[in-house]
Amino acid sequence: LFVGLGNPGAAYARTRHNLGAECVRRMAESWGFPSFKLKSNVHAQCTSGVCAQQNVQCAIPTTYMNLSGQAVSAVLRFYKLSPERLIVAHDDLDLPLGTCRLKLGGGHGGHNGLRNLIEHLKTPHWWRIRLGIGRPHPDKSVSDYVLSTWLPHETPAVEHMLDQILPLLPQCISGAWSIAMQQLHTH
């Protein structure tokens, strides 16, 4: 199950906090999966298909970021998957804009969506696609920064980051995480 974290609604569509949702949306589109459909019983937009000879589910929670765990735990139950089968794409303040990293487990690092996921899943042991957004200027609040849209001059870095991770995801699905990490982390 690939999950892209973000906030619902058009007002948040191109914000830094929604990069996870954008990543999963583009991934599903590039693999030719059907359009995302709302599953109200799990509070998420979902789609599925086959990639790397594996059945793959994709979900974008329709809850706000701080309640992501509620939706993700419901989607895992719906598809009868354990958290070990979960891959979460999310924005990350601790990585420079345009830098992408793969990581297994870890803490929430102050990210409220990850915090809520850990609380609901009772484990931090799942894969993460960390999408770097960098830190705000010291004069700007973190919450204002993550809810702001990326600036026109930042678009090439965002596009490059997404273009870099998307071709590696089939390797992740097939279990070749170390190969994907080596290719991604050496760029």
Foldseek 3Di string as FASTA:
>chain_A
DEEFEAEDDPLQCQFLFRLSVVLLQVLCVVVPWDDFDDDPQLQWTKTWDDFLNDTDIYTYHHHHLLQLLSNVVSVCVVVVHAQQLYETEGEDQVDAALAKAKDFFDQCNPRNNLNNNCVNNVGRGYMYIYHYPYQDDPVDDRVVRRSDGDDPVSVVSSVNSSVLLSVLVSCVVVPVVVVSRVSRVVD
